[in-house]
Amino acid sequence: MAIQINLEKYGHKKKGYLSFSWTSLFFNFLVPLFRLDIKWFFIFISPYLFLYIMTFFIIDSSWFFILISSHFAVYPTFILLLDYYHSINHLTTPIFIMIILIPILRIIFSFIYNDFYTKGLLKEGYLPPEEDEYSNAILKGNRYLEYTKEDLLDKEKLERYRLIIEEYQQERKKDLINFILIVILLILLIALLIYI
């Protein structure tokens, strides 16, 4: 589960997020679209656009027509290719590599997107409110922000920050264990389905 960080700039409030993004894993390019993060939207969607364009140009038009007319609806070609085993003969190496890379890219983007999004908000001038110790502790503890001189002189505040950071790190360890367990279960499920 991603950690929410409260950020504001001239009274305008936004949520920053840190850690693994389950929403990015499941909803992919819709997450930056809903956050109005256009740069990351294009980064997320570029593998799909590349695969769609490559697939469209490689498959001859008659095969493309057969795939679409059999479903009575227009679907992206690469989805239809993944649905039909007999279509695998029409895949070229770049398309096959992209089909393998897209799930891997989804996982990588899920690990990095929230951090980059929050760093982008901080570069735009969004900062956590002074009274929000949780957001300040998380951002300063992960070196997104520097400790102020007042923070360094206030030993009680540093101790509260340390406790918050320890709790945060324990949550990250739990999330990593959960992710590894889910991946192992998915691999076992896929292996079971292949051998049945």
N, C-alpha and C. Protein backbone atom coordinates (compact mmCIF):
# COMPACT_ATOMS: atom_id res chain seq x y z
N MET A 1 0.84 -1.17 0.00
CA MET A 1 0.00 0.00 0.00
C MET A 1 0.89 1.24 0.00
N ALA A 2 0.59 2.17 -0.83
CA ALA A 2 1.39 3.39 -0.93
C ALA A 2 1.11 4.29 0.28
N ILE A 3 2.12 5.03 0.67
CA ILE A 3 2.01 5.97 1.78
C ILE A 3 1.58 7.32 1.21
N GLN A 4 0.54 7.89 1.79
CA GLN A 4 0.06 9.21 1.34
C GLN A 4 0.78 10.31 2.10
N ILE A 5 1.21 11.30 1.36
CA ILE A 5 1.89 12.46 1.92
C ILE A 5 1.07 13.69 1.57
N ASN A 6 0.79 14.52 2.56
CA ASN A 6 0.06 15.76 2.32
C ASN A 6 1.04 16.84 1.87
N LEU A 7 0.72 17.47 0.74
CA LEU A 7 1.55 18.54 0.20
C LEU A 7 0.65 19.72 -0.14
N GLU A 8 1.22 20.92 -0.05
CA GLU A 8 0.45 22.10 -0.44
C GLU A 8 1.36 23.19 -0.97
N LYS A 9 0.75 24.03 -1.81
CA LYS A 9 1.46 25.16 -2.41
C LYS A 9 0.46 26.28 -2.56
N TYR A 10 0.68 27.38 -1.87
CA TYR A 10 -0.21 28.53 -1.89
C TYR A 10 -1.66 28.15 -1.58
N GLY A 11 -1.82 27.26 -0.62
CA GLY A 11 -3.16 26.83 -0.22
C GLY A 11 -3.76 25.72 -1.06
N HIS A 12 -3.15 25.41 -2.19
CA HIS A 12 -3.63 24.31 -3.05
C HIS A 12 -3.03 23.01 -2.54
N LYS A 13 -3.89 22.07 -2.15
CA LYS A 13 -3.43 20.81 -1.56
C LYS A 13 -3.43 19.69 -2.58
N LYS A 14 -2.39 18.86 -2.48
CA LYS A 14 -2.28 17.66 -3.31
C LYS A 14 -1.76 16.54 -2.44
N LYS A 15 -2.01 15.32 -2.87
CA LYS A 15 -1.49 14.14 -2.19
C LYS A 15 -0.27 13.64 -2.95
N GLY A 16 0.79 13.42 -2.23
CA GLY A 16 1.95 12.75 -2.79
C GLY A 16 1.93 11.32 -2.29
N TYR A 17 2.59 10.44 -3.00
CA TYR A 17 2.60 9.02 -2.63
C TYR A 17 4.02 8.50 -2.69
N LEU A 18 4.31 7.59 -1.79
CA LEU A 18 5.62 6.94 -1.76
C LEU A 18 5.42 5.43 -1.74
N SER A 19 6.39 4.73 -2.29
CA SER A 19 6.44 3.28 -2.27
C SER A 19 5.69 2.67 -3.44
N PHE A 20 5.49 1.37 -3.38
CA PHE A 20 4.88 0.59 -4.46
C PHE A 20 3.46 1.05 -4.73
N SER A 21 3.10 1.14 -6.00
CA SER A 21 1.77 1.60 -6.40
C SER A 21 0.96 0.44 -6.95
N TRP A 22 0.08 -0.10 -6.12
CA TRP A 22 -0.81 -1.17 -6.58
C TRP A 22 -1.76 -0.65 -7.65
N THR A 23 -2.17 0.61 -7.53
CA THR A 23 -3.07 1.17 -8.55
C THR A 23 -2.39 1.24 -9.90
N SER A 24 -1.09 1.58 -9.92
CA SER A 24 -0.36 1.60 -11.19
C SER A 24 -0.21 0.20 -11.76
N LEU A 25 -0.06 -0.79 -10.88
CA LEU A 25 0.06 -2.16 -11.35
C LEU A 25 -1.22 -2.62 -12.03
N PHE A 26 -2.37 -2.30 -11.44
CA PHE A 26 -3.63 -2.80 -11.98
C PHE A 26 -4.25 -1.88 -13.03
N PHE A 27 -4.11 -0.56 -12.84
CA PHE A 27 -4.77 0.37 -13.75
C PHE A 27 -3.80 1.08 -14.69
N ASN A 28 -2.53 0.82 -14.54
CA ASN A 28 -1.47 1.24 -15.44
C ASN A 28 -1.55 2.72 -15.83
N PHE A 29 -1.73 3.04 -17.10
CA PHE A 29 -1.62 4.43 -17.56
C PHE A 29 -2.78 5.30 -17.12
N LEU A 30 -3.83 4.73 -16.54
CA LEU A 30 -4.94 5.54 -16.05
C LEU A 30 -4.56 6.33 -14.80
N VAL A 31 -3.62 5.82 -14.02
CA VAL A 31 -3.22 6.50 -12.78
C VAL A 31 -2.60 7.87 -13.07
N PRO A 32 -1.58 7.97 -13.93
CA PRO A 32 -1.07 9.32 -14.22
C PRO A 32 -2.09 10.19 -14.94
N LEU A 33 -2.99 9.58 -15.70
CA LEU A 33 -4.02 10.36 -16.37
C LEU A 33 -4.95 11.01 -15.35
N PHE A 34 -5.37 10.26 -14.34
CA PHE A 34 -6.26 10.82 -13.31
C PHE A 34 -5.54 11.83 -12.42
N ARG A 35 -4.23 11.68 -12.28
CA ARG A 35 -3.45 12.64 -11.49
C ARG A 35 -3.00 13.83 -12.33
N LEU A 36 -3.39 13.84 -13.59
CA LEU A 36 -3.03 14.90 -14.55
C LEU A 36 -1.51 15.02 -14.71
N ASP A 37 -0.85 13.89 -14.67
CA ASP A 37 0.59 13.82 -14.85
C ASP A 37 0.86 13.37 -16.29
N ILE A 38 0.84 14.33 -17.20
CA ILE A 38 0.88 14.03 -18.64
C ILE A 38 2.18 13.36 -19.06
N LYS A 39 3.31 13.80 -18.51
CA LYS A 39 4.60 13.21 -18.88
C LYS A 39 4.60 11.70 -18.58
N TRP A 40 4.19 11.33 -17.39
CA TRP A 40 4.19 9.91 -17.03
C TRP A 40 3.08 9.14 -17.73
N PHE A 41 2.01 9.82 -18.10
CA PHE A 41 0.97 9.15 -18.88
C PHE A 41 1.56 8.66 -20.21
N PHE A 42 2.33 9.51 -20.88
CA PHE A 42 2.94 9.10 -22.15
C PHE A 42 4.04 8.05 -21.94
N ILE A 43 4.75 8.12 -20.83
CA ILE A 43 5.74 7.08 -20.54
C ILE A 43 5.05 5.74 -20.32
N PHE A 44 3.94 5.74 -19.58
CA PHE A 44 3.20 4.51 -19.32
C PHE A 44 2.59 3.92 -20.59
N ILE A 45 2.07 4.76 -21.46
CA ILE A 45 1.32 4.27 -22.62
C ILE A 45 2.22 3.97 -23.81
N SER A 46 3.45 4.46 -23.80
CA SER A 46 4.33 4.28 -24.97
C SER A 46 4.58 2.81 -25.34
N PRO A 47 4.78 1.87 -24.41
CA PRO A 47 4.95 0.48 -24.86
C PRO A 47 3.71 -0.07 -25.56
N TYR A 48 2.53 0.32 -25.10
CA TYR A 48 1.30 -0.14 -25.74
C TYR A 48 1.15 0.46 -27.14
N LEU A 49 1.47 1.74 -27.26
CA LEU A 49 1.40 2.37 -28.58
C LEU A 49 2.39 1.73 -29.54
N PHE A 50 3.59 1.48 -29.07
CA PHE A 50 4.60 0.84 -29.91
C PHE A 50 4.13 -0.54 -30.35
N LEU A 51 3.61 -1.32 -29.41
CA LEU A 51 3.14 -2.66 -29.75
C LEU A 51 1.96 -2.60 -30.71
N TYR A 52 1.06 -1.69 -30.49
CA TYR A 52 -0.10 -1.56 -31.37
C TYR A 52 0.33 -1.18 -32.78
N ILE A 53 1.23 -0.22 -32.90
CA ILE A 53 1.69 0.22 -34.22
C ILE A 53 2.45 -0.90 -34.92
N MET A 54 3.33 -1.57 -34.19
CA MET A 54 4.10 -2.67 -34.79
C MET A 54 3.16 -3.79 -35.24
N THR A 55 2.19 -4.12 -34.43
CA THR A 55 1.26 -5.19 -34.77
C THR A 55 0.41 -4.81 -35.97
N PHE A 56 -0.04 -3.59 -35.99
CA PHE A 56 -0.89 -3.13 -37.08
C PHE A 56 -0.17 -3.19 -38.41
N PHE A 57 1.11 -2.82 -38.43
CA PHE A 57 1.85 -2.80 -39.69
C PHE A 57 2.34 -4.17 -40.12
N ILE A 58 2.52 -5.08 -39.20
CA ILE A 58 3.07 -6.38 -39.56
C ILE A 58 1.99 -7.34 -40.03
N ILE A 59 0.83 -7.32 -39.40
CA ILE A 59 -0.23 -8.24 -39.80
C ILE A 59 -0.88 -7.70 -41.08
N ASP A 60 -1.07 -8.59 -42.04
CA ASP A 60 -1.68 -8.10 -43.28
C ASP A 60 -3.15 -7.76 -43.02
N SER A 61 -3.69 -6.94 -43.86
CA SER A 61 -5.03 -6.40 -43.63
C SER A 61 -6.11 -7.47 -43.65
N SER A 62 -5.96 -8.52 -44.42
CA SER A 62 -6.99 -9.55 -44.45
C SER A 62 -7.06 -10.29 -43.12
N TRP A 63 -5.92 -10.60 -42.53
CA TRP A 63 -5.91 -11.25 -41.22
C TRP A 63 -6.48 -10.32 -40.16
N PHE A 64 -6.16 -9.04 -40.25
CA PHE A 64 -6.69 -8.06 -39.32
C PHE A 64 -8.22 -8.00 -39.42
N PHE A 65 -8.75 -8.03 -40.64
CA PHE A 65 -10.19 -8.00 -40.84
C PHE A 65 -10.86 -9.24 -40.26
N ILE A 66 -10.25 -10.40 -40.42
CA ILE A 66 -10.82 -11.64 -39.88
C ILE A 66 -10.86 -11.58 -38.36
N LEU A 67 -9.82 -11.07 -37.76
CA LEU A 67 -9.80 -10.98 -36.30
C LEU A 67 -10.89 -10.06 -35.78
N ILE A 68 -11.10 -8.95 -36.46
CA ILE A 68 -12.09 -7.98 -35.99
C ILE A 68 -13.51 -8.44 -36.31
N SER A 69 -13.74 -8.96 -37.49
CA SER A 69 -15.10 -9.33 -37.87
C SER A 69 -15.62 -10.51 -37.07
N SER A 70 -14.74 -11.34 -36.55
CA SER A 70 -15.21 -12.50 -35.79
C SER A 70 -15.77 -12.11 -34.43
N HIS A 71 -15.47 -10.91 -33.97
CA HIS A 71 -15.95 -10.48 -32.66
C HIS A 71 -17.06 -9.44 -32.72
N PHE A 72 -17.39 -8.97 -33.87
CA PHE A 72 -18.43 -7.95 -34.05
C PHE A 72 -18.12 -6.66 -33.31
N ALA A 73 -16.91 -6.45 -32.98
CA ALA A 73 -16.51 -5.21 -32.32
C ALA A 73 -15.06 -4.94 -32.68
N VAL A 74 -14.66 -3.70 -32.53
CA VAL A 74 -13.29 -3.33 -32.85
C VAL A 74 -12.49 -3.36 -31.55
N TYR A 75 -11.47 -4.19 -31.51
CA TYR A 75 -10.56 -4.29 -30.38
C TYR A 75 -9.17 -3.97 -30.87
N PRO A 76 -8.30 -3.51 -29.96
CA PRO A 76 -6.91 -3.33 -30.38
C PRO A 76 -6.33 -4.66 -30.83
N THR A 77 -5.57 -4.61 -31.87
CA THR A 77 -5.05 -5.82 -32.49
C THR A 77 -4.23 -6.66 -31.54
N PHE A 78 -3.41 -6.02 -30.72
CA PHE A 78 -2.53 -6.81 -29.86
C PHE A 78 -3.32 -7.60 -28.82
N ILE A 79 -4.48 -7.11 -28.40
CA ILE A 79 -5.31 -7.87 -27.46
C ILE A 79 -5.86 -9.10 -28.16
N LEU A 80 -6.29 -8.94 -29.39
CA LEU A 80 -6.80 -10.09 -30.12
C LEU A 80 -5.70 -11.12 -30.36
N LEU A 81 -4.49 -10.63 -30.61
CA LEU A 81 -3.39 -11.57 -30.82
C LEU A 81 -3.10 -12.38 -29.57
N LEU A 82 -3.22 -11.74 -28.43
CA LEU A 82 -2.98 -12.47 -27.19
C LEU A 82 -4.08 -13.48 -26.91
N ASP A 83 -5.28 -13.24 -27.43
CA ASP A 83 -6.40 -14.14 -27.18
C ASP A 83 -6.38 -15.37 -28.07
N TYR A 84 -5.73 -15.33 -29.20
CA TYR A 84 -5.77 -16.44 -30.15
C TYR A 84 -4.41 -17.11 -30.26
N TYR A 85 -4.40 -18.37 -29.94
CA TYR A 85 -3.15 -19.12 -30.01
C TYR A 85 -2.66 -19.24 -31.45
N HIS A 86 -3.57 -19.39 -32.39
CA HIS A 86 -3.14 -19.56 -33.77
C HIS A 86 -2.52 -18.28 -34.34
N SER A 87 -2.68 -17.16 -33.67
CA SER A 87 -2.10 -15.91 -34.14
C SER A 87 -0.62 -15.81 -33.83
N ILE A 88 -0.13 -16.68 -32.96
CA ILE A 88 1.27 -16.59 -32.57
C ILE A 88 2.21 -16.74 -33.76
N ASN A 89 1.76 -17.41 -34.80
CA ASN A 89 2.60 -17.57 -35.98
C ASN A 89 2.85 -16.25 -36.69
N HIS A 90 1.98 -15.28 -36.48
CA HIS A 90 2.11 -13.99 -37.16
C HIS A 90 2.90 -12.97 -36.35
N LEU A 91 3.34 -13.37 -35.17
CA LEU A 91 4.12 -12.46 -34.34
C LEU A 91 5.57 -12.46 -34.78
N THR A 92 6.13 -11.30 -34.86
CA THR A 92 7.56 -11.21 -35.14
C THR A 92 8.29 -11.08 -33.80
N THR A 93 9.57 -11.16 -33.86
CA THR A 93 10.37 -11.11 -32.64
C THR A 93 10.17 -9.82 -31.85
N PRO A 94 10.17 -8.63 -32.48
CA PRO A 94 9.96 -7.41 -31.67
C PRO A 94 8.61 -7.39 -30.97
N ILE A 95 7.58 -7.87 -31.64
CA ILE A 95 6.25 -7.88 -31.02
C ILE A 95 6.22 -8.89 -29.88
N PHE A 96 6.80 -10.06 -30.10
CA PHE A 96 6.82 -11.06 -29.05
C PHE A 96 7.60 -10.55 -27.83
N ILE A 97 8.72 -9.86 -28.07
CA ILE A 97 9.49 -9.28 -26.97
C ILE A 97 8.67 -8.23 -26.23
N MET A 98 7.93 -7.40 -26.96
CA MET A 98 7.10 -6.39 -26.31
C MET A 98 5.99 -7.02 -25.48
N ILE A 99 5.42 -8.12 -25.96
CA ILE A 99 4.37 -8.79 -25.20
C ILE A 99 4.94 -9.31 -23.88
N ILE A 100 6.17 -9.75 -23.89
CA ILE A 100 6.83 -10.21 -22.67
C ILE A 100 7.24 -9.02 -21.80
N LEU A 101 7.70 -7.93 -22.43
CA LEU A 101 8.20 -6.78 -21.68
C LEU A 101 7.10 -5.96 -21.01
N ILE A 102 5.91 -5.92 -21.58
CA ILE A 102 4.86 -5.07 -21.02
C ILE A 102 4.53 -5.43 -19.57
N PRO A 103 4.33 -6.71 -19.22
CA PRO A 103 4.09 -7.00 -17.80
C PRO A 103 5.28 -6.64 -16.91
N ILE A 104 6.49 -6.83 -17.44
CA ILE A 104 7.67 -6.47 -16.66
C ILE A 104 7.73 -4.95 -16.45
N LEU A 105 7.42 -4.19 -17.50
CA LEU A 105 7.40 -2.72 -17.38
C LEU A 105 6.31 -2.26 -16.42
N ARG A 106 5.18 -2.94 -16.41
CA ARG A 106 4.11 -2.57 -15.46
C ARG A 106 4.60 -2.71 -14.03
N ILE A 107 5.34 -3.78 -13.76
CA ILE A 107 5.86 -3.98 -12.40
C ILE A 107 6.91 -2.92 -12.07
N ILE A 108 7.81 -2.64 -13.02
CA ILE A 108 8.84 -1.62 -12.78
C ILE A 108 8.20 -0.26 -12.56
N PHE A 109 7.25 0.12 -13.41
CA PHE A 109 6.57 1.41 -13.24
C PHE A 109 5.84 1.48 -11.91
N SER A 110 5.29 0.36 -11.46
CA SER A 110 4.58 0.35 -10.17
C SER A 110 5.54 0.62 -9.01
N PHE A 111 6.78 0.18 -9.15
CA PHE A 111 7.76 0.43 -8.10
C PHE A 111 8.27 1.87 -8.11
N ILE A 112 8.38 2.49 -9.27
CA ILE A 112 9.03 3.80 -9.33
C ILE A 112 8.08 4.98 -9.47
N TYR A 113 6.85 4.76 -9.93
CA TYR A 113 6.01 5.90 -10.30
C TYR A 113 5.69 6.81 -9.13
N ASN A 114 5.27 6.27 -7.99
CA ASN A 114 4.88 7.13 -6.87
C ASN A 114 6.03 8.01 -6.41
N ASP A 115 7.24 7.46 -6.38
CA ASP A 115 8.39 8.26 -5.95
C ASP A 115 8.66 9.40 -6.93
N PHE A 116 8.61 9.10 -8.22
CA PHE A 116 8.84 10.15 -9.22
C PHE A 116 7.73 11.20 -9.20
N TYR A 117 6.51 10.75 -8.97
CA TYR A 117 5.39 11.70 -8.91
C TYR A 117 5.58 12.66 -7.73
N THR A 118 5.93 12.12 -6.57
CA THR A 118 6.12 12.96 -5.39
C THR A 118 7.32 13.89 -5.57
N LYS A 119 8.42 13.38 -6.15
CA LYS A 119 9.57 14.24 -6.41
C LYS A 119 9.20 15.37 -7.36
N GLY A 120 8.36 15.07 -8.35
CA GLY A 120 7.89 16.11 -9.27
C GLY A 120 7.08 17.18 -8.56
N LEU A 121 6.22 16.76 -7.64
CA LEU A 121 5.44 17.75 -6.88
C LEU A 121 6.36 18.60 -6.01
N LEU A 122 7.36 17.99 -5.41
CA LEU A 122 8.30 18.76 -4.58
C LEU A 122 9.09 19.75 -5.44
N LYS A 123 9.47 19.37 -6.65
CA LYS A 123 10.17 20.29 -7.56
C LYS A 123 9.28 21.45 -7.99
N GLU A 124 7.97 21.18 -8.08
CA GLU A 124 7.03 22.24 -8.44
C GLU A 124 6.78 23.20 -7.29
N GLY A 125 7.29 22.91 -6.11
CA GLY A 125 7.14 23.81 -4.97
C GLY A 125 6.14 23.35 -3.93
N TYR A 126 5.56 22.20 -4.09
CA TYR A 126 4.65 21.68 -3.08
C TYR A 126 5.47 21.18 -1.89
N LEU A 127 5.05 21.55 -0.69
CA LEU A 127 5.74 21.15 0.53
C LEU A 127 4.73 20.65 1.55
N PRO A 128 5.16 19.80 2.47
CA PRO A 128 4.23 19.36 3.51
C PRO A 128 3.96 20.50 4.50
N PRO A 129 2.75 20.58 5.04
CA PRO A 129 2.47 21.61 6.04
C PRO A 129 3.37 21.42 7.27
N GLU A 130 3.75 22.51 7.91
CA GLU A 130 4.64 22.45 9.08
C GLU A 130 4.05 21.60 10.20
N GLU A 131 2.74 21.67 10.39
CA GLU A 131 2.11 20.95 11.50
C GLU A 131 1.93 19.46 11.22
N ASP A 132 2.16 19.03 9.99
CA ASP A 132 2.00 17.62 9.62
C ASP A 132 3.34 16.89 9.83
N GLU A 133 3.53 16.38 11.06
CA GLU A 133 4.79 15.73 11.39
C GLU A 133 4.99 14.44 10.60
N TYR A 134 3.92 13.72 10.32
CA TYR A 134 4.04 12.44 9.61
C TYR A 134 4.64 12.66 8.21
N SER A 135 4.05 13.58 7.46
CA SER A 135 4.55 13.85 6.10
C SER A 135 5.98 14.38 6.13
N ASN A 136 6.25 15.28 7.07
CA ASN A 136 7.61 15.82 7.18
C ASN A 136 8.61 14.73 7.55
N ALA A 137 8.24 13.86 8.49
CA ALA A 137 9.16 12.80 8.91
C ALA A 137 9.45 11.84 7.76
N ILE A 138 8.42 11.46 7.03
CA ILE A 138 8.62 10.50 5.93
C ILE A 138 9.49 11.12 4.84
N LEU A 139 9.18 12.35 4.46
CA LEU A 139 9.95 12.99 3.39
C LEU A 139 11.39 13.29 3.80
N LYS A 140 11.59 13.72 5.03
CA LYS A 140 12.95 14.02 5.49
C LYS A 140 13.71 12.74 5.79
N GLY A 141 13.03 11.74 6.30
CA GLY A 141 13.68 10.46 6.59
C GLY A 141 14.12 9.72 5.34
N ASN A 142 13.41 9.93 4.23
CA ASN A 142 13.78 9.31 2.96
C ASN A 142 14.60 10.24 2.07
N ARG A 143 15.01 11.35 2.63
CA ARG A 143 15.89 12.32 1.97
C ARG A 143 15.27 13.00 0.76
N TYR A 144 13.96 13.16 0.79
CA TYR A 144 13.30 13.97 -0.23
C TYR A 144 13.44 15.44 0.14
N LEU A 145 13.48 15.71 1.43
CA LEU A 145 13.68 17.06 1.94
C LEU A 145 14.82 17.03 2.96
N GLU A 146 15.45 18.18 3.15
CA GLU A 146 16.53 18.29 4.13
C GLU A 146 15.95 18.67 5.49
N TYR A 147 16.61 18.21 6.55
CA TYR A 147 16.23 18.63 7.89
C TYR A 147 16.59 20.10 8.07
N THR A 148 15.71 20.84 8.71
CA THR A 148 16.00 22.25 9.01
C THR A 148 16.84 22.33 10.28
N LYS A 149 17.40 23.50 10.54
CA LYS A 149 18.19 23.68 11.76
C LYS A 149 17.31 23.51 12.99
N GLU A 150 16.06 23.97 12.90
CA GLU A 150 15.14 23.81 14.03
C GLU A 150 14.87 22.33 14.30
N ASP A 151 14.74 21.55 13.23
CA ASP A 151 14.53 20.11 13.41
C ASP A 151 15.72 19.47 14.12
N LEU A 152 16.92 19.83 13.70
CA LEU A 152 18.12 19.23 14.28
C LEU A 152 18.34 19.63 15.73
N LEU A 153 17.87 20.81 16.11
CA LEU A 153 18.03 21.27 17.50
C LEU A 153 16.95 20.69 18.41
N ASP A 154 15.80 20.33 17.88
CA ASP A 154 14.68 19.81 18.68
C ASP A 154 14.79 18.29 18.79
N LYS A 155 15.35 17.82 19.90
CA LYS A 155 15.59 16.38 20.10
C LYS A 155 14.29 15.59 20.19
N GLU A 156 13.27 16.17 20.80
CA GLU A 156 11.98 15.48 20.91
C GLU A 156 11.36 15.26 19.53
N LYS A 157 11.46 16.27 18.69
CA LYS A 157 10.92 16.16 17.34
C LYS A 157 11.68 15.11 16.53
N LEU A 158 13.00 15.10 16.67
CA LEU A 158 13.81 14.09 15.98
C LEU A 158 13.45 12.68 16.44
N GLU A 159 13.16 12.52 17.73
CA GLU A 159 12.77 11.21 18.25
C GLU A 159 11.41 10.79 17.68
N ARG A 160 10.46 11.73 17.60
CA ARG A 160 9.16 11.42 16.98
C ARG A 160 9.33 11.07 15.50
N TYR A 161 10.19 11.81 14.81
CA TYR A 161 10.48 11.50 13.41
C TYR A 161 11.07 10.09 13.27
N ARG A 162 11.99 9.75 14.17
CA ARG A 162 12.62 8.43 14.12
C ARG A 162 11.60 7.31 14.29
N LEU A 163 10.66 7.49 15.21
CA LEU A 163 9.62 6.48 15.43
C LEU A 163 8.71 6.35 14.20
N ILE A 164 8.38 7.47 13.60
CA ILE A 164 7.54 7.44 12.39
C ILE A 164 8.27 6.75 11.25
N ILE A 165 9.56 7.02 11.10
CA ILE A 165 10.35 6.42 10.03
C ILE A 165 10.49 4.92 10.25
N GLU A 166 10.69 4.50 11.50
CA GLU A 166 10.77 3.06 11.79
C GLU A 166 9.47 2.36 11.44
N GLU A 167 8.35 2.97 11.79
CA GLU A 167 7.04 2.40 11.44
C GLU A 167 6.87 2.32 9.92
N TYR A 168 7.30 3.36 9.23
CA TYR A 168 7.24 3.39 7.77
C TYR A 168 8.08 2.26 7.17
N GLN A 169 9.28 2.06 7.68
CA GLN A 169 10.15 1.01 7.15
C GLN A 169 9.58 -0.38 7.42
N GLN A 170 8.94 -0.58 8.55
CA GLN A 170 8.29 -1.86 8.83
C GLN A 170 7.15 -2.11 7.85
N GLU A 171 6.38 -1.08 7.54
CA GLU A 171 5.31 -1.22 6.56
C GLU A 171 5.86 -1.57 5.18
N ARG A 172 7.00 -0.95 4.81
CA ARG A 172 7.60 -1.25 3.50
C ARG A 172 8.05 -2.71 3.45
N LYS A 173 8.60 -3.23 4.55
CA LYS A 173 9.02 -4.63 4.58
C LYS A 173 7.82 -5.55 4.41
N LYS A 174 6.72 -5.22 5.08
CA LYS A 174 5.50 -6.02 4.94
C LYS A 174 5.00 -5.99 3.50
N ASP A 175 5.03 -4.82 2.89
CA ASP A 175 4.59 -4.70 1.49
C ASP A 175 5.47 -5.52 0.56
N LEU A 176 6.77 -5.51 0.79
CA LEU A 176 7.68 -6.28 -0.05
C LEU A 176 7.41 -7.78 0.11
N ILE A 177 7.19 -8.23 1.33
CA ILE A 177 6.88 -9.64 1.57
C ILE A 177 5.57 -10.01 0.89
N ASN A 178 4.56 -9.15 1.01
CA ASN A 178 3.28 -9.41 0.33
C ASN A 178 3.45 -9.50 -1.18
N PHE A 179 4.24 -8.61 -1.75
CA PHE A 179 4.46 -8.62 -3.19
C PHE A 179 5.16 -9.91 -3.61
N ILE A 180 6.18 -10.30 -2.88
CA ILE A 180 6.91 -11.54 -3.21
C ILE A 180 6.00 -12.74 -3.12
N LEU A 181 5.17 -12.79 -2.08
CA LEU A 181 4.22 -13.91 -1.94
C LEU A 181 3.22 -13.96 -3.09
N ILE A 182 2.74 -12.81 -3.51
CA ILE A 182 1.79 -12.76 -4.63
C ILE A 182 2.47 -13.24 -5.91
N VAL A 183 3.69 -12.81 -6.15
CA VAL A 183 4.42 -13.25 -7.35
C VAL A 183 4.64 -14.75 -7.31
N ILE A 184 5.03 -15.29 -6.16
CA ILE A 184 5.23 -16.73 -6.04
C ILE A 184 3.93 -17.48 -6.29
N LEU A 185 2.83 -16.99 -5.72
CA LEU A 185 1.54 -17.64 -5.94
C LEU A 185 1.12 -17.59 -7.41
N LEU A 186 1.36 -16.47 -8.06
CA LEU A 186 1.03 -16.36 -9.48
C LEU A 186 1.88 -17.31 -10.33
N ILE A 187 3.15 -17.42 -10.00
CA ILE A 187 4.02 -18.35 -10.74
C ILE A 187 3.54 -19.78 -10.53
N LEU A 188 3.19 -20.14 -9.30
CA LEU A 188 2.69 -21.49 -9.03
C LEU A 188 1.38 -21.74 -9.75
N LEU A 189 0.50 -20.75 -9.78
CA LEU A 189 -0.77 -20.89 -10.47
C LEU A 189 -0.57 -21.07 -11.98
N ILE A 190 0.30 -20.28 -12.55
CA ILE A 190 0.60 -20.41 -13.98
C ILE A 190 1.21 -21.76 -14.29
N ALA A 191 2.15 -22.19 -13.45
CA ALA A 191 2.77 -23.51 -13.65
C ALA A 191 1.74 -24.63 -13.53
N LEU A 192 0.84 -24.50 -12.59
CA LEU A 192 -0.21 -25.49 -12.42
C LEU A 192 -1.13 -25.54 -13.64
N LEU A 193 -1.50 -24.37 -14.14
CA LEU A 193 -2.38 -24.32 -15.32
C LEU A 193 -1.68 -24.85 -16.58
N ILE A 194 -0.39 -24.64 -16.67
CA ILE A 194 0.34 -25.14 -17.84
C ILE A 194 0.42 -26.65 -17.84
N TYR A 195 0.62 -27.23 -16.67
CA TYR A 195 0.81 -28.68 -16.59
C TYR A 195 -0.48 -29.47 -16.43
N ILE A 196 -1.60 -28.79 -16.35
CA ILE A 196 -2.89 -29.51 -16.27
C ILE A 196 -3.35 -29.89 -17.64
